[in-house]
Amino acid sequence: MSTAFDRRLAGADAAARELRTVRDLLRWGVSRFESAGLAYGHGTDNGWDEAVALLLWALHLPPEPLDPWLDARLPRAERRAVLELFERRVASREPAAYLTGEAWLRGMRFACDARALVPRSPIAEALDEALPQWLELHPRAPSWPASILDLCTGGASLAILAAHRFPEAQVVGADLSADALALAAVNRERHGLQQRLELLRGDLFAAVRGRRFDLVLCNPPYVNDASMQALPPEYRAEPRAALAGGPDGMDLVRRILAQAPSHLCGDGLLLLEIGHEAAHFEAAFPALEFHYLPVAAGERMLVLVEAGQLAAAAIRSRAPRRGSIPRRGTARPRARRP
């Protein structure tokens, strides 16, 4: 005789009839998401936050605060609308931001759909926190940065955040995808940056041939082949070309580092997201000195490289090898905390 307990969850129709409050619907939504085995990571990392985001959007409520609404009773039509959105999230396995058409990053709202990745890069956090801390230890001129390039800009969330963080800078967003740039144009207009944010199409730095920048931001495709095969459906719903980085994840990163010296000013910086590929990055660039910028998601997800470090690495990589004697100057210092 089996001792397994048969766990039960009411269907959406029963929930619409019997549940009443926002709190009731959120509890049901979390149970539904957990029972379906959803994957998170596109702005939320758990079922509760995912259910909250979808419910508040469906009810035309601001993204925060939640507490004032928890005990609000909802008419049946609103309950059905929320439950239908929950069910669509389960059935489609698309990121919630693709269902609502919007994503929030660092308190700013962006148009979002399957033409580009859901905005979530930790570079956004670094622009507000780790990068200013690093610059306190490695100061630049007061006018720095006068020019910023967001390479692989997608929907332009990082370009827009950089424009707000550095209000005197001119910003360029570049991408190979015409569809992504069309979405970026929508976000540019929403944030009133038509005069400060230039959008260009091209293959990496080819879009800005002959130009140099004080700061280059880049969230490139860097997911290695093995990890790509293991991605849950929510991630496979995003553009593959914006994720897949080849066998070790470094295919495009190699091109970026090779081309960057020709497009950085003398005191320029390249801020590059590498996610969980730190081991592959270090193996791919043994001659490169660089800094890790720590963020809440991890200590080794963002790489900061100075223009001089890129030039020195290029010289070292061309130097003849001498047996197995280690080359000097190949240390990879982490970012120093203030």
C-alpha atoms as a PDB file:
ATOM      1  CA  MET A   1       0.000   0.000   0.000  1.00  0.00           C
ATOM      2  CA  SER A   2       1.458   3.339  -1.068  1.00  0.00           C
ATOM      3  CA  THR A   3       2.064   5.946   1.638  1.00  0.00           C
ATOM      4  CA  ALA A   4       2.601   8.789  -0.883  1.00  0.00           C
ATOM      5  CA  PHE A   5       0.360  11.769  -0.284  1.00  0.00           C
ATOM      6  CA  ASP A   6      -1.609  13.091  -3.246  1.00  0.00           C
ATOM      7  CA  ARG A   7      -1.057  16.830  -3.218  1.00  0.00           C
ATOM      8  CA  ARG A   8      -3.859  18.777  -4.873  1.00  0.00           C
ATOM      9  CA  LEU A   9      -4.170  22.210  -6.400  1.00  0.00           C
ATOM     10  CA  ALA A  10      -7.487  23.750  -7.384  1.00  0.00           C
ATOM     11  CA  GLY A  11      -7.883  24.554 -11.061  1.00  0.00           C
ATOM     12  CA  ALA A  12      -8.103  28.094 -12.385  1.00  0.00           C
ATOM     13  CA  ASP A  13     -11.907  27.954 -12.740  1.00  0.00           C
ATOM     14  CA  ALA A  14     -12.362  26.907  -9.128  1.00  0.00           C
ATOM     15  CA  ALA A  15      -9.893  29.530  -7.996  1.00  0.00           C
ATOM     16  CA  ALA A  16     -11.793  32.247  -9.887  1.00  0.00           C
ATOM     17  CA  ARG A  17     -15.036  31.193  -8.184  1.00  0.00           C
ATOM     18  CA  GLU A  18     -13.814  30.700  -4.641  1.00  0.00           C
ATOM     19  CA  LEU A  19     -10.840  32.955  -4.047  1.00  0.00           C
ATOM     20  CA  ARG A  20     -11.468  36.592  -3.278  1.00  0.00           C
ATOM     21  CA  THR A  21      -8.459  38.693  -2.318  1.00  0.00           C
ATOM     22  CA  VAL A  22      -5.129  39.647  -3.814  1.00  0.00           C
ATOM     23  CA  ARG A  23      -3.488  37.575  -1.096  1.00  0.00           C
ATOM     24  CA  ASP A  24      -5.583  34.553  -2.124  1.00  0.00           C
ATOM     25  CA  LEU A  25      -4.588  34.882  -5.770  1.00  0.00           C
ATOM     26  CA  LEU A  26      -0.909  35.281  -4.966  1.00  0.00           C
ATOM     27  CA  ARG A  27      -0.898  32.137  -2.856  1.00  0.00           C
ATOM     28  CA  TRP A  28      -2.572  30.211  -5.670  1.00  0.00           C
ATOM     29  CA  GLY A  29      -0.183  31.643  -8.249  1.00  0.00           C
ATOM     30  CA  VAL A  30       2.898  30.596  -6.281  1.00  0.00           C
ATOM     31  CA  SER A  31       1.463  27.099  -5.803  1.00  0.00           C
ATOM     32  CA  ARG A  32       0.688  26.883  -9.520  1.00  0.00           C
ATOM     33  CA  PHE A  33       4.146  28.038 -10.558  1.00  0.00           C
ATOM     34  CA  GLU A  34       5.912  25.689  -8.171  1.00  0.00           C
ATOM     35  CA  SER A  35       3.815  22.719  -9.200  1.00  0.00           C
ATOM     36  CA  ALA A  36       4.617  23.469 -12.861  1.00  0.00           C
ATOM     37  CA  GLY A  37       8.361  23.694 -12.195  1.00  0.00           C
ATOM     38  CA  LEU A  38       8.858  27.116 -13.767  1.00  0.00           C
ATOM     39  CA  ALA A  39      12.325  28.616 -14.109  1.00  0.00           C
ATOM     40  CA  TYR A  40      13.013  32.191 -13.062  1.00  0.00           C
ATOM     41  CA  GLY A  41      15.823  34.680 -13.577  1.00  0.00           C
ATOM     42  CA  HIS A  42      14.326  37.387 -15.802  1.00  0.00           C
ATOM     43  CA  GLY A  43      13.839  40.005 -13.128  1.00  0.00           C
ATOM     44  CA  THR A  44      12.696  37.654 -10.377  1.00  0.00           C
ATOM     45  CA  ASP A  45      14.273  34.575  -8.845  1.00  0.00           C
ATOM     46  CA  ASN A  46      11.301  32.912  -7.132  1.00  0.00           C
ATOM     47  CA  GLY A  47       7.623  32.102  -7.624  1.00  0.00           C
ATOM     48  CA  TRP A  48       6.327  34.702  -5.154  1.00  0.00           C
ATOM     49  CA  ASP A  49       8.005  37.669  -6.853  1.00  0.00           C
ATOM     50  CA  GLU A  50       6.969  36.341 -10.261  1.00  0.00           C
ATOM     51  CA  ALA A  51       3.330  36.076  -9.185  1.00  0.00           C
ATOM     52  CA  VAL A  52       3.445  39.544  -7.624  1.00  0.00           C
ATOM     53  CA  ALA A  53       4.840  41.118 -10.796  1.00  0.00           C
ATOM     54  CA  LEU A  54       2.212  39.529 -13.034  1.00  0.00           C
ATOM     55  CA  LEU A  55      -0.702  40.252 -10.686  1.00  0.00           C
ATOM     56  CA  LEU A  56       0.152  43.921 -10.186  1.00  0.00           C
ATOM     57  CA  TRP A  57       0.546  44.405 -13.924  1.00  0.00           C
ATOM     58  CA  ALA A  58      -2.765  42.668 -14.678  1.00  0.00           C
ATOM     59  CA  LEU A  59      -4.576  44.887 -12.155  1.00  0.00           C
ATOM     60  CA  HIS A  60      -3.017  48.149 -13.427  1.00  0.00           C
ATOM     61  CA  LEU A  61      -1.245  48.673 -10.103  1.00  0.00           C
ATOM     62  CA  PRO A  62       2.237  50.156  -9.651  1.00  0.00           C
ATOM     63  CA  PRO A  63       5.069  47.652  -9.160  1.00  0.00           C
ATOM     64  CA  GLU A  64       5.353  48.611  -5.503  1.00  0.00           C
ATOM     65  CA  PRO A  65       4.265  48.717  -2.756  1.00  0.00           C
ATOM     66  CA  LEU A  66       2.301  45.478  -2.480  1.00  0.00           C
ATOM     67  CA  ASP A  67       1.072  45.528   1.126  1.00  0.00           C
ATOM     68  CA  PRO A  68      -1.804  48.028   0.676  1.00  0.00           C
ATOM     69  CA  TRP A  69      -3.494  45.704  -1.825  1.00  0.00           C
ATOM     70  CA  LEU A  70      -3.068  42.288  -0.186  1.00  0.00           C
ATOM     71  CA  ASP A  71      -6.500  42.182   1.444  1.00  0.00           C
ATOM     72  CA  ALA A  72      -8.348  43.946  -1.358  1.00  0.00           C
ATOM     73  CA  ARG A  73     -11.300  41.920  -2.653  1.00  0.00           C
ATOM     74  CA  LEU A  74     -11.458  41.581  -6.410  1.00  0.00           C
ATOM     75  CA  PRO A  75     -14.452  41.258  -8.731  1.00  0.00           C
ATOM     76  CA  ARG A  76     -14.627  38.018 -10.692  1.00  0.00           C
ATOM     77  CA  ALA A  77     -13.564  39.609 -13.987  1.00  0.00           C
ATOM     78  CA  GLU A  78     -10.328  40.841 -12.422  1.00  0.00           C
ATOM     79  CA  ARG A  79      -9.722  37.495 -10.735  1.00  0.00           C
ATOM     80  CA  ARG A  80     -10.116  35.742 -14.072  1.00  0.00           C
ATOM     81  CA  ALA A  81      -7.743  38.163 -15.794  1.00  0.00           C
ATOM     82  CA  VAL A  82      -5.031  37.483 -13.197  1.00  0.00           C
ATOM     83  CA  LEU A  83      -5.534  33.724 -13.309  1.00  0.00           C
ATOM     84  CA  GLU A  84      -5.488  33.660 -17.106  1.00  0.00           C
ATOM     85  CA  LEU A  85      -2.145  35.468 -17.051  1.00  0.00           C
ATOM     86  CA  PHE A  86      -0.780  32.981 -14.515  1.00  0.00           C
ATOM     87  CA  GLU A  87      -1.940  30.106 -16.713  1.00  0.00           C
ATOM     88  CA  ARG A  88      -0.391  31.681 -19.794  1.00  0.00           C
ATOM     89  CA  ARG A  89       2.931  31.949 -17.955  1.00  0.00           C
ATOM     90  CA  VAL A  90       2.770  28.220 -17.198  1.00  0.00           C
ATOM     91  CA  ALA A  91       1.622  27.142 -20.664  1.00  0.00           C
ATOM     92  CA  SER A  92       4.012  29.293 -22.707  1.00  0.00           C
ATOM     93  CA  ARG A  93       7.085  29.118 -20.437  1.00  0.00           C
ATOM     94  CA  GLU A  94       7.944  32.592 -21.693  1.00  0.00           C
ATOM     95  CA  PRO A  95       9.553  35.151 -19.371  1.00  0.00           C
ATOM     96  CA  ALA A  96       6.954  37.216 -17.566  1.00  0.00           C
ATOM     97  CA  ALA A  97       8.348  40.383 -19.174  1.00  0.00           C
ATOM     98  CA  TYR A  98       7.467  39.054 -22.628  1.00  0.00           C
ATOM     99  CA  LEU A  99       3.876  38.489 -21.495  1.00  0.00           C
ATOM    100  CA  THR A 100       3.484  41.982 -20.040  1.00  0.00           C
ATOM    101  CA  GLY A 101       5.580  43.764 -22.666  1.00  0.00           C
ATOM    102  CA  GLU A 102       7.632  45.593 -20.055  1.00  0.00           C
ATOM    103  CA  ALA A 103      10.583  45.063 -17.734  1.00  0.00           C
ATOM    104  CA  TRP A 104      11.920  47.058 -14.799  1.00  0.00           C
ATOM    105  CA  LEU A 105      15.638  47.572 -14.174  1.00  0.00           C
ATOM    106  CA  ARG A 106      17.077  49.874 -11.500  1.00  0.00           C
ATOM    107  CA  GLY A 107      13.675  51.488 -11.082  1.00  0.00           C
ATOM    108  CA  MET A 108      13.225  52.270 -14.781  1.00  0.00           C
ATOM    109  CA  ARG A 109      10.639  50.720 -17.098  1.00  0.00           C
ATOM    110  CA  PHE A 110      11.545  49.399 -20.540  1.00  0.00           C
ATOM    111  CA  ALA A 111       9.510  48.037 -23.417  1.00  0.00           C
ATOM    112  CA  CYS A 112      10.348  44.363 -23.716  1.00  0.00           C
ATOM    113  CA  ASP A 113       9.576  41.580 -26.160  1.00  0.00           C
ATOM    114  CA  ALA A 114      11.212  38.627 -27.889  1.00  0.00           C
ATOM    115  CA  ARG A 115      13.264  40.866 -30.205  1.00  0.00           C
ATOM    116  CA  ALA A 116      15.874  41.249 -27.444  1.00  0.00           C
ATOM    117  CA  LEU A 117      16.952  39.805 -24.106  1.00  0.00           C
ATOM    118  CA  VAL A 118      14.905  40.703 -21.043  1.00  0.00           C
ATOM    119  CA  PRO A 119      16.807  43.584 -19.346  1.00  0.00           C
ATOM    120  CA  ARG A 120      18.656  42.155 -16.324  1.00  0.00           C
ATOM    121  CA  SER A 121      22.375  42.764 -16.815  1.00  0.00           C
ATOM    122  CA  PRO A 122      24.377  43.332 -13.597  1.00  0.00           C
ATOM    123  CA  ILE A 123      26.161  46.077 -15.519  1.00  0.00           C
ATOM    124  CA  ALA A 124      23.149  48.209 -14.555  1.00  0.00           C
ATOM    125  CA  GLU A 125      23.996  47.750 -10.878  1.00  0.00           C
ATOM    126  CA  ALA A 126      27.702  48.351 -11.513  1.00  0.00           C
ATOM    127  CA  LEU A 127      27.000  51.713 -13.157  1.00  0.00           C
ATOM    128  CA  ASP A 128      25.506  52.916  -9.878  1.00  0.00           C
ATOM    129  CA  GLU A 129      27.782  51.172  -7.380  1.00  0.00           C
ATOM    130  CA  ALA A 130      30.938  49.210  -8.287  1.00  0.00           C
ATOM    131  CA  LEU A 131      32.105  51.430 -11.146  1.00  0.00           C
ATOM    132  CA  PRO A 132      31.905  54.717  -9.169  1.00  0.00           C
ATOM    133  CA  GLN A 133      33.783  52.996  -6.323  1.00  0.00           C
ATOM    134  CA  TRP A 134      36.489  51.874  -8.737  1.00  0.00           C
ATOM    135  CA  LEU A 135      36.730  55.363 -10.228  1.00  0.00           C
ATOM    136  CA  GLU A 136      37.345  56.819  -6.777  1.00  0.00           C
ATOM    137  CA  LEU A 137      40.553  54.766  -6.683  1.00  0.00           C
ATOM    138  CA  HIS A 138      41.383  55.352 -10.360  1.00  0.00           C
ATOM    139  CA  PRO A 139      40.114  58.908 -11.024  1.00  0.00           C
ATOM    140  CA  ARG A 140      39.478  60.330 -14.478  1.00  0.00           C
ATOM    141  CA  ALA A 141      39.026  63.911 -15.618  1.00  0.00           C
ATOM    142  CA  PRO A 142      35.838  65.607 -14.383  1.00  0.00           C
ATOM    143  CA  SER A 143      34.436  65.511 -17.920  1.00  0.00           C
ATOM    144  CA  TRP A 144      34.904  61.720 -18.168  1.00  0.00           C
ATOM    145  CA  PRO A 145      33.059  59.978 -19.759  1.00  0.00           C
ATOM    146  CA  ALA A 146      32.193  62.266 -22.634  1.00  0.00           C
ATOM    147  CA  SER A 147      31.301  59.338 -24.875  1.00  0.00           C
ATOM    148  CA  ILE A 148      29.801  55.911 -24.128  1.00  0.00           C
ATOM    149  CA  LEU A 149      29.215  52.936 -26.402  1.00  0.00           C
ATOM    150  CA  ASP A 150      26.787  50.161 -25.463  1.00  0.00           C
ATOM    151  CA  LEU A 151      27.851  47.277 -27.678  1.00  0.00           C
ATOM    152  CA  CYS A 152      25.266  44.513 -28.305  1.00  0.00           C
ATOM    153  CA  THR A 153      22.717  46.992 -27.003  1.00  0.00           C
ATOM    154  CA  GLY A 154      19.574  44.884 -27.619  1.00  0.00           C
ATOM    155  CA  GLY A 155      16.632  46.920 -26.359  1.00  0.00           C
ATOM    156  CA  ALA A 156      19.042  49.672 -25.163  1.00  0.00           C
ATOM    157  CA  SER A 157      18.355  49.382 -21.427  1.00  0.00           C
ATOM    158  CA  LEU A 158      22.051  49.730 -20.530  1.00  0.00           C
ATOM    159  CA  ALA A 159      22.536  52.609 -22.956  1.00  0.00           C
ATOM    160  CA  ILE A 160      19.592  54.439 -21.388  1.00  0.00           C
ATOM    161  CA  LEU A 161      20.744  53.766 -17.835  1.00  0.00           C
ATOM    162  CA  ALA A 162      24.239  54.985 -18.760  1.00  0.00           C
ATOM    163  CA  ALA A 163      22.768  58.154 -20.271  1.00  0.00           C
ATOM    164  CA  HIS A 164      20.989  58.871 -16.985  1.00  0.00           C
ATOM    165  CA  ARG A 165      24.009  57.963 -14.874  1.00  0.00           C
ATOM    166  CA  PHE A 166      26.294  60.227 -16.934  1.00  0.00           C
ATOM    167  CA  PRO A 167      24.016  63.076 -18.088  1.00  0.00           C
ATOM    168  CA  GLU A 168      26.776  64.980 -19.945  1.00  0.00           C
ATOM    169  CA  ALA A 169      27.843  62.021 -22.098  1.00  0.00           C
ATOM    170  CA  GLN A 170      26.821  61.249 -25.649  1.00  0.00           C
ATOM    171  CA  VAL A 171      25.766  57.606 -25.919  1.00  0.00           C
ATOM    172  CA  VAL A 172      25.747  55.164 -28.818  1.00  0.00           C
ATOM    173  CA  GLY A 173      23.914  51.847 -28.828  1.00  0.00           C
ATOM    174  CA  ALA A 174      25.083  49.353 -31.463  1.00  0.00           C
ATOM    175  CA  ASP A 175      23.681  45.975 -32.449  1.00  0.00           C
ATOM    176  CA  LEU A 176      23.649  43.623 -35.422  1.00  0.00           C
ATOM    177  CA  SER A 177      19.921  42.909 -35.083  1.00  0.00           C
ATOM    178  CA  ALA A 178      17.554  45.298 -36.851  1.00  0.00           C
ATOM    179  CA  ASP A 179      14.685  43.919 -34.757  1.00  0.00           C
ATOM    180  CA  ALA A 180      16.509  44.666 -31.507  1.00  0.00           C
ATOM    181  CA  LEU A 181      17.300  48.187 -32.675  1.00  0.00           C
ATOM    182  CA  ALA A 182      13.633  48.783 -33.494  1.00  0.00           C
ATOM    183  CA  LEU A 183      12.815  47.909 -29.889  1.00  0.00           C
ATOM    184  CA  ALA A 184      15.689  50.123 -28.727  1.00  0.00           C
ATOM    185  CA  ALA A 185      14.179  53.025 -30.657  1.00  0.00           C
ATOM    186  CA  VAL A 186      10.909  52.584 -28.765  1.00  0.00           C
ATOM    187  CA  ASN A 187      12.760  52.747 -25.451  1.00  0.00           C
ATOM    188  CA  ARG A 188      14.821  55.723 -26.569  1.00  0.00           C
ATOM    189  CA  GLU A 189      11.664  57.673 -27.322  1.00  0.00           C
ATOM    190  CA  ARG A 190       9.982  56.622 -24.078  1.00  0.00           C
ATOM    191  CA  HIS A 191      12.897  58.022 -22.107  1.00  0.00           C
ATOM    192  CA  GLY A 192      13.241  61.176 -24.182  1.00  0.00           C
ATOM    193  CA  LEU A 193      16.794  60.501 -25.326  1.00  0.00           C
ATOM    194  CA  GLN A 194      16.447  61.077 -29.075  1.00  0.00           C
ATOM    195  CA  GLN A 195      19.123  63.797 -28.943  1.00  0.00           C
ATOM    196  CA  ARG A 196      21.643  61.955 -26.751  1.00  0.00           C
ATOM    197  CA  LEU A 197      21.336  58.308 -27.743  1.00  0.00           C
ATOM    198  CA  GLU A 198      22.403  57.290 -31.243  1.00  0.00           C
ATOM    199  CA  LEU A 199      21.408  53.814 -32.454  1.00  0.00           C
ATOM    200  CA  LEU A 200      23.591  52.145 -35.083  1.00  0.00           C
ATOM    201  CA  ARG A 201      23.465  48.789 -36.808  1.00  0.00           C
ATOM    202  CA  GLY A 202      26.600  46.773 -37.447  1.00  0.00           C
ATOM    203  CA  ASP A 203      28.729  43.775 -36.520  1.00  0.00           C
ATOM    204  CA  LEU A 204      30.339  44.775 -33.204  1.00  0.00           C
ATOM    205  CA  PHE A 205      32.635  47.813 -33.654  1.00  0.00           C
ATOM    206  CA  ALA A 206      31.951  47.976 -37.396  1.00  0.00           C
ATOM    207  CA  ALA A 207      28.926  50.092 -36.490  1.00  0.00           C
ATOM    208  CA  VAL A 208      31.223  52.829 -35.096  1.00  0.00           C
ATOM    209  CA  ARG A 209      34.193  52.523 -37.437  1.00  0.00           C
ATOM    210  CA  GLY A 210      36.833  55.180 -36.761  1.00  0.00           C
ATOM    211  CA  ARG A 211      35.301  56.386 -33.481  1.00  0.00           C
ATOM    212  CA  ARG A 212      36.704  56.118 -29.944  1.00  0.00           C
ATOM    213  CA  PHE A 213      34.881  56.105 -26.609  1.00  0.00           C
ATOM    214  CA  ASP A 214      35.693  56.763 -22.976  1.00  0.00           C
ATOM    215  CA  LEU A 215      33.508  53.911 -21.789  1.00  0.00           C
ATOM    216  CA  VAL A 216      32.375  50.811 -23.647  1.00  0.00           C
ATOM    217  CA  LEU A 217      29.687  48.628 -22.081  1.00  0.00           C
ATOM    218  CA  CYS A 218      28.937  45.189 -23.436  1.00  0.00           C
ATOM    219  CA  ASN A 219      26.671  42.298 -22.488  1.00  0.00           C
ATOM    220  CA  PRO A 220      27.655  39.945 -25.330  1.00  0.00           C
ATOM    221  CA  PRO A 221      26.542  36.385 -26.071  1.00  0.00           C
ATOM    222  CA  TYR A 222      28.719  34.350 -23.690  1.00  0.00           C
ATOM    223  CA  VAL A 223      26.821  31.165 -22.747  1.00  0.00           C
ATOM    224  CA  ASN A 224      28.923  28.105 -23.593  1.00  0.00           C
ATOM    225  CA  ASP A 225      27.545  25.262 -25.707  1.00  0.00           C
ATOM    226  CA  ALA A 226      27.001  22.835 -22.814  1.00  0.00           C
ATOM    227  CA  SER A 227      25.092  25.448 -20.834  1.00  0.00           C
ATOM    228  CA  MET A 228      23.019  26.404 -23.871  1.00  0.00           C
ATOM    229  CA  GLN A 229      21.812  22.813 -24.180  1.00  0.00           C
ATOM    230  CA  ALA A 230      20.723  22.830 -20.526  1.00  0.00           C
ATOM    231  CA  LEU A 231      18.796  26.117 -20.626  1.00  0.00           C
ATOM    232  CA  PRO A 232      15.162  25.932 -19.461  1.00  0.00           C
ATOM    233  CA  PRO A 233      12.385  27.016 -21.852  1.00  0.00           C
ATOM    234  CA  GLU A 234      12.204  30.531 -20.386  1.00  0.00           C
ATOM    235  CA  TYR A 235      15.737  31.241 -21.605  1.00  0.00           C
ATOM    236  CA  ARG A 236      15.264  29.464 -24.915  1.00  0.00           C
ATOM    237  CA  ALA A 237      12.384  31.889 -25.569  1.00  0.00           C
ATOM    238  CA  GLU A 238      14.967  34.681 -25.868  1.00  0.00           C
ATOM    239  CA  PRO A 239      16.963  35.322 -29.066  1.00  0.00           C
ATOM    240  CA  ARG A 240      19.543  32.550 -29.318  1.00  0.00           C
ATOM    241  CA  ALA A 241      22.009  34.857 -31.054  1.00  0.00           C
ATOM    242  CA  ALA A 242      22.049  37.084 -27.962  1.00  0.00           C
ATOM    243  CA  LEU A 243      23.012  34.177 -25.684  1.00  0.00           C
ATOM    244  CA  ALA A 244      25.125  31.572 -27.489  1.00  0.00           C
ATOM    245  CA  GLY A 245      28.865  32.179 -27.225  1.00  0.00           C
ATOM    246  CA  GLY A 246      30.322  29.026 -28.768  1.00  0.00           C
ATOM    247  CA  PRO A 247      32.119  26.039 -27.193  1.00  0.00           C
ATOM    248  CA  ASP A 248      33.612  28.022 -24.286  1.00  0.00           C
ATOM    249  CA  GLY A 249      31.321  31.058 -24.503  1.00  0.00           C
ATOM    250  CA  MET A 250      34.175  33.280 -25.655  1.00  0.00           C
ATOM    251  CA  ASP A 251      33.689  33.382 -29.439  1.00  0.00           C
ATOM    252  CA  LEU A 252      32.401  36.965 -29.579  1.00  0.00           C
ATOM    253  CA  VAL A 253      34.379  38.058 -26.522  1.00  0.00           C
ATOM    254  CA  ARG A 254      37.628  37.263 -28.362  1.00  0.00           C
ATOM    255  CA  ARG A 255      36.598  39.548 -31.214  1.00  0.00           C
ATOM    256  CA  ILE A 256      35.519  42.293 -28.818  1.00  0.00           C
ATOM    257  CA  LEU A 257      38.830  42.338 -26.945  1.00  0.00           C
ATOM    258  CA  ALA A 258      40.790  42.223 -30.194  1.00  0.00           C
ATOM    259  CA  GLN A 259      38.910  45.195 -31.657  1.00  0.00           C
ATOM    260  CA  ALA A 260      38.411  47.286 -28.498  1.00  0.00           C
ATOM    261  CA  PRO A 261      41.874  48.975 -28.416  1.00  0.00           C
ATOM    262  CA  SER A 262      41.084  50.761 -31.679  1.00  0.00           C
ATOM    263  CA  HIS A 263      37.865  52.167 -30.210  1.00  0.00           C
ATOM    264  CA  LEU A 264      38.882  53.214 -26.685  1.00  0.00           C
ATOM    265  CA  CYS A 265      40.333  56.567 -25.712  1.00  0.00           C
ATOM    266  CA  GLY A 266      43.655  56.572 -23.891  1.00  0.00           C
ATOM    267  CA  ASP A 267      42.032  56.404 -20.453  1.00  0.00           C
ATOM    268  CA  GLY A 268      39.071  54.404 -21.723  1.00  0.00           C
ATOM    269  CA  LEU A 269      37.427  51.455 -20.013  1.00  0.00           C
ATOM    270  CA  LEU A 270      35.692  48.338 -21.286  1.00  0.00           C
ATOM    271  CA  LEU A 271      33.045  46.960 -18.910  1.00  0.00           C
ATOM    272  CA  LEU A 272      32.141  43.457 -20.036  1.00  0.00           C
ATOM    273  CA  GLU A 273      29.614  40.968 -18.659  1.00  0.00           C
ATOM    274  CA  ILE A 274      30.790  37.337 -18.644  1.00  0.00           C
ATOM    275  CA  GLY A 275      28.208  35.806 -16.281  1.00  0.00           C
ATOM    276  CA  HIS A 276      29.297  32.444 -14.945  1.00  0.00           C
ATOM    277  CA  GLU A 277      32.083  32.041 -17.514  1.00  0.00           C
ATOM    278  CA  ALA A 278      34.973  33.417 -15.414  1.00  0.00           C
ATOM    279  CA  ALA A 279      37.017  30.221 -15.712  1.00  0.00           C
ATOM    280  CA  HIS A 280      36.619  30.206 -19.482  1.00  0.00           C
ATOM    281  CA  PHE A 281      37.448  33.919 -19.672  1.00  0.00           C
ATOM    282  CA  GLU A 282      40.671  33.520 -17.708  1.00  0.00           C
ATOM    283  CA  ALA A 283      41.679  30.511 -19.801  1.00  0.00           C
ATOM    284  CA  ALA A 284      40.990  32.372 -23.046  1.00  0.00           C
ATOM    285  CA  PHE A 285      42.987  35.504 -22.098  1.00  0.00           C
ATOM    286  CA  PRO A 286      46.018  34.428 -20.045  1.00  0.00           C
ATOM    287  CA  ALA A 287      48.051  37.510 -21.043  1.00  0.00           C
ATOM    288  CA  LEU A 288      45.388  40.024 -20.007  1.00  0.00           C
ATOM    289  CA  GLU A 289      45.455  41.999 -16.785  1.00  0.00           C
ATOM    290  CA  PHE A 290      41.981  43.105 -15.740  1.00  0.00           C
ATOM    291  CA  HIS A 291      39.713  43.830 -12.789  1.00  0.00           C
ATOM    292  CA  TYR A 292      36.612  42.056 -11.558  1.00  0.00           C
ATOM    293  CA  LEU A 293      33.822  44.399 -10.489  1.00  0.00           C
ATOM    294  CA  PRO A 294      31.748  42.702  -7.767  1.00  0.00           C
ATOM    295  CA  VAL A 295      27.959  42.876  -7.914  1.00  0.00           C
ATOM    296  CA  ALA A 296      25.231  41.346  -5.774  1.00  0.00           C
ATOM    297  CA  ALA A 297      24.909  38.362  -8.116  1.00  0.00           C
ATOM    298  CA  GLY A 298      28.589  37.435  -7.874  1.00  0.00           C
ATOM    299  CA  GLU A 299      32.212  38.523  -7.532  1.00  0.00           C
ATOM    300  CA  ARG A 300      33.388  37.427 -10.994  1.00  0.00           C
ATOM    301  CA  MET A 301      30.535  38.213 -13.383  1.00  0.00           C
ATOM    302  CA  LEU A 302      31.799  41.579 -14.665  1.00  0.00           C
ATOM    303  CA  VAL A 303      35.217  42.327 -16.122  1.00  0.00           C
ATOM    304  CA  LEU A 304      36.649  45.841 -16.286  1.00  0.00           C
ATOM    305  CA  VAL A 305      39.597  46.316 -18.640  1.00  0.00           C
ATOM    306  CA  GLU A 306      41.590  49.507 -19.070  1.00  0.00           C
ATOM    307  CA  ALA A 307      42.693  50.594 -22.538  1.00  0.00           C
ATOM    308  CA  GLY A 308      46.327  50.319 -21.482  1.00  0.00           C
ATOM    309  CA  GLN A 309      45.813  46.769 -20.253  1.00  0.00           C
ATOM    310  CA  LEU A 310      44.364  45.753 -23.606  1.00  0.00           C
ATOM    311  CA  ALA A 311      47.316  47.279 -25.453  1.00  0.00           C
ATOM    312  CA  ALA A 312      49.828  45.581 -23.139  1.00  0.00           C
ATOM    313  CA  ALA A 313      48.112  42.216 -23.542  1.00  0.00           C
ATOM    314  CA  ALA A 314      48.293  42.553 -27.316  1.00  0.00           C
ATOM    315  CA  ILE A 315      52.052  43.155 -27.078  1.00  0.00           C
ATOM    316  CA  ARG A 316      52.568  40.224 -24.707  1.00  0.00           C
ATOM    317  CA  SER A 317      50.549  37.885 -26.877  1.00  0.00           C
ATOM    318  CA  ARG A 318      52.850  38.675 -29.827  1.00  0.00           C
ATOM    319  CA  ALA A 319      56.036  38.105 -27.814  1.00  0.00           C
ATOM    320  CA  PRO A 320      57.887  34.820 -28.529  1.00  0.00           C
ATOM    321  CA  ARG A 321      57.434  32.076 -25.986  1.00  0.00           C
ATOM    322  CA  ARG A 322      60.424  30.813 -24.040  1.00  0.00           C
ATOM    323  CA  GLY A 323      59.693  27.232 -23.170  1.00  0.00           C
ATOM    324  CA  SER A 324      57.522  26.878 -20.105  1.00  0.00           C
ATOM    325  CA  ILE A 325      58.889  29.932 -18.267  1.00  0.00           C
ATOM    326  CA  PRO A 326      55.917  32.029 -17.073  1.00  0.00           C
ATOM    327  CA  ARG A 327      55.626  35.461 -18.624  1.00  0.00           C
ATOM    328  CA  ARG A 328      55.743  38.435 -16.309  1.00  0.00           C
ATOM    329  CA  GLY A 329      52.787  40.728 -15.905  1.00  0.00           C
ATOM    330  CA  THR A 330      50.027  38.164 -16.462  1.00  0.00           C
ATOM    331  CA  ALA A 331      48.336  38.539 -13.095  1.00  0.00           C
ATOM    332  CA  ARG A 332      44.620  39.211 -13.173  1.00  0.00           C
ATOM    333  CA  PRO A 333      43.841  41.471 -10.185  1.00  0.00           C
ATOM    334  CA  ARG A 334      40.323  41.612  -8.903  1.00  0.00           C
ATOM    335  CA  ALA A 335      38.655  44.935  -8.341  1.00  0.00           C
ATOM    336  CA  ARG A 336      39.790  46.507  -5.103  1.00  0.00           C
ATOM    337  CA  ARG A 337      37.028  47.474  -2.743  1.00  0.00           C
ATOM    338  CA  PRO A 338      37.139  51.008  -1.332  1.00  0.00           C
END
